[in-house]
Amino acid sequence: MATTPRLVSAVDGKAPDIRTVLAHSPEVRAAFNNMYATLWSAGEVPADVKELVRLRNATQTGCGL
């Protein structure tokens, strides 16, 4: 996992993260939010299992929780 951000923040004075990078394009942010909501609210896998997978992935890749 890279420790140097590859994208810049669209918000002055804020470090690049998912929210500040998606601020470059409201259309892309809306599509991402829709996809993410569908991921968590639909499907065969229960939400608690999805959360455990998310936490495990973050731990393994060194991402902030």
C-alpha atoms as a PDB file:
ATOM      1  CA  MET A   1       0.000   0.000   0.000  1.00  0.00           C
ATOM      2  CA  ALA A   2       1.391   3.384  -0.944  1.00  0.00           C
ATOM      3  CA  THR A   3       1.921   5.844   1.870  1.00  0.00           C
ATOM      4  CA  THR A   4       2.197   8.821  -0.467  1.00  0.00           C
ATOM      5  CA  PRO A   5      -1.186  10.045  -1.753  1.00  0.00           C
ATOM      6  CA  ARG A   6      -1.482   9.825  -5.539  1.00  0.00           C
ATOM      7  CA  LEU A   7      -4.462  12.186  -5.732  1.00  0.00           C
ATOM      8  CA  VAL A   8      -4.883  15.683  -4.362  1.00  0.00           C
ATOM      9  CA  SER A   9      -7.586  16.980  -2.094  1.00  0.00           C
ATOM     10  CA  ALA A  10     -10.255  19.233  -3.577  1.00  0.00           C
ATOM     11  CA  VAL A  11     -10.614  20.919  -0.185  1.00  0.00           C
ATOM     12  CA  ASP A  12      -7.989  23.545   0.660  1.00  0.00           C
ATOM     13  CA  GLY A  13      -6.091  22.734   3.832  1.00  0.00           C
ATOM     14  CA  LYS A  14      -7.401  19.153   4.036  1.00  0.00           C
ATOM     15  CA  ALA A  15      -5.345  16.048   3.435  1.00  0.00           C
ATOM     16  CA  PRO A  16      -6.462  13.803   0.586  1.00  0.00           C
ATOM     17  CA  ASP A  17      -8.835  11.054   1.670  1.00  0.00           C
ATOM     18  CA  ILE A  18     -11.883   9.467   0.062  1.00  0.00           C
ATOM     19  CA  ARG A  19     -14.147  12.417   0.925  1.00  0.00           C
ATOM     20  CA  THR A  20     -11.840  15.227  -0.128  1.00  0.00           C
ATOM     21  CA  VAL A  21     -10.770  13.517  -3.369  1.00  0.00           C
ATOM     22  CA  LEU A  22     -14.354  12.706  -4.377  1.00  0.00           C
ATOM     23  CA  ALA A  23     -15.155  16.388  -3.839  1.00  0.00           C
ATOM     24  CA  HIS A  24     -13.532  16.998  -7.250  1.00  0.00           C
ATOM     25  CA  SER A  25     -16.626  15.546  -8.922  1.00  0.00           C
ATOM     26  CA  PRO A  26     -20.073  15.649  -7.307  1.00  0.00           C
ATOM     27  CA  GLU A  27     -21.360  13.244  -9.982  1.00  0.00           C
ATOM     28  CA  VAL A  28     -18.704  10.657  -9.206  1.00  0.00           C
ATOM     29  CA  ARG A  29     -19.258  11.129  -5.471  1.00  0.00           C
ATOM     30  CA  ALA A  30     -23.014  10.550  -5.876  1.00  0.00           C
ATOM     31  CA  ALA A  31     -22.406   7.400  -7.929  1.00  0.00           C
ATOM     32  CA  PHE A  32     -19.879   6.104  -5.388  1.00  0.00           C
ATOM     33  CA  ASN A  33     -22.251   6.808  -2.491  1.00  0.00           C
ATOM     34  CA  ASN A  34     -25.055   4.963  -4.296  1.00  0.00           C
ATOM     35  CA  MET A  35     -22.822   1.966  -5.001  1.00  0.00           C
ATOM     36  CA  TYR A  36     -21.508   1.902  -1.415  1.00  0.00           C
ATOM     37  CA  ALA A  37     -25.026   2.079   0.065  1.00  0.00           C
ATOM     38  CA  THR A  38     -26.124  -0.786  -2.183  1.00  0.00           C
ATOM     39  CA  LEU A  39     -23.082  -2.819  -1.174  1.00  0.00           C
ATOM     40  CA  TRP A  40     -23.958  -2.509   2.513  1.00  0.00           C
ATOM     41  CA  SER A  41     -27.752  -2.818   2.272  1.00  0.00           C
ATOM     42  CA  ALA A  42     -28.198  -5.595  -0.300  1.00  0.00           C
ATOM     43  CA  GLY A  43     -26.910  -9.049  -1.086  1.00  0.00           C
ATOM     44  CA  GLU A  44     -26.663 -12.433   0.579  1.00  0.00           C
ATOM     45  CA  VAL A  45     -23.856 -11.623   3.029  1.00  0.00           C
ATOM     46  CA  PRO A  46     -25.057 -10.180   6.357  1.00  0.00           C
ATOM     47  CA  ALA A  47     -23.871  -6.666   7.280  1.00  0.00           C
ATOM     48  CA  ASP A  48     -21.977  -7.919  10.359  1.00  0.00           C
ATOM     49  CA  VAL A  49     -19.895 -10.247   8.174  1.00  0.00           C
ATOM     50  CA  LYS A  50     -19.254  -7.435   5.688  1.00  0.00           C
ATOM     51  CA  GLU A  51     -18.016  -5.277   8.564  1.00  0.00           C
ATOM     52  CA  LEU A  52     -15.656  -8.005   9.773  1.00  0.00           C
ATOM     53  CA  VAL A  53     -14.249  -8.327   6.246  1.00  0.00           C
ATOM     54  CA  ARG A  54     -13.835  -4.543   6.053  1.00  0.00           C
ATOM     55  CA  LEU A  55     -11.944  -4.471   9.361  1.00  0.00           C
ATOM     56  CA  ARG A  56      -9.746  -7.416   8.392  1.00  0.00           C
ATOM     57  CA  ASN A  57      -8.912  -5.803   5.058  1.00  0.00           C
ATOM     58  CA  ALA A  58      -8.044  -2.500   6.730  1.00  0.00           C
ATOM     59  CA  THR A  59      -5.814  -4.282   9.238  1.00  0.00           C
ATOM     60  CA  GLN A  60      -4.011  -6.287   6.562  1.00  0.00           C
ATOM     61  CA  THR A  61      -3.430  -3.325   4.248  1.00  0.00           C
ATOM     62  CA  GLY A  62      -2.446  -0.870   6.964  1.00  0.00           C
ATOM     63  CA  CYS A  63      -5.384   1.435   6.276  1.00  0.00           C
ATOM     64  CA  GLY A  64      -6.766   3.568   9.070  1.00  0.00           C
ATOM     65  CA  LEU A  65      -9.858   2.209  10.707  1.00  0.00           C
END
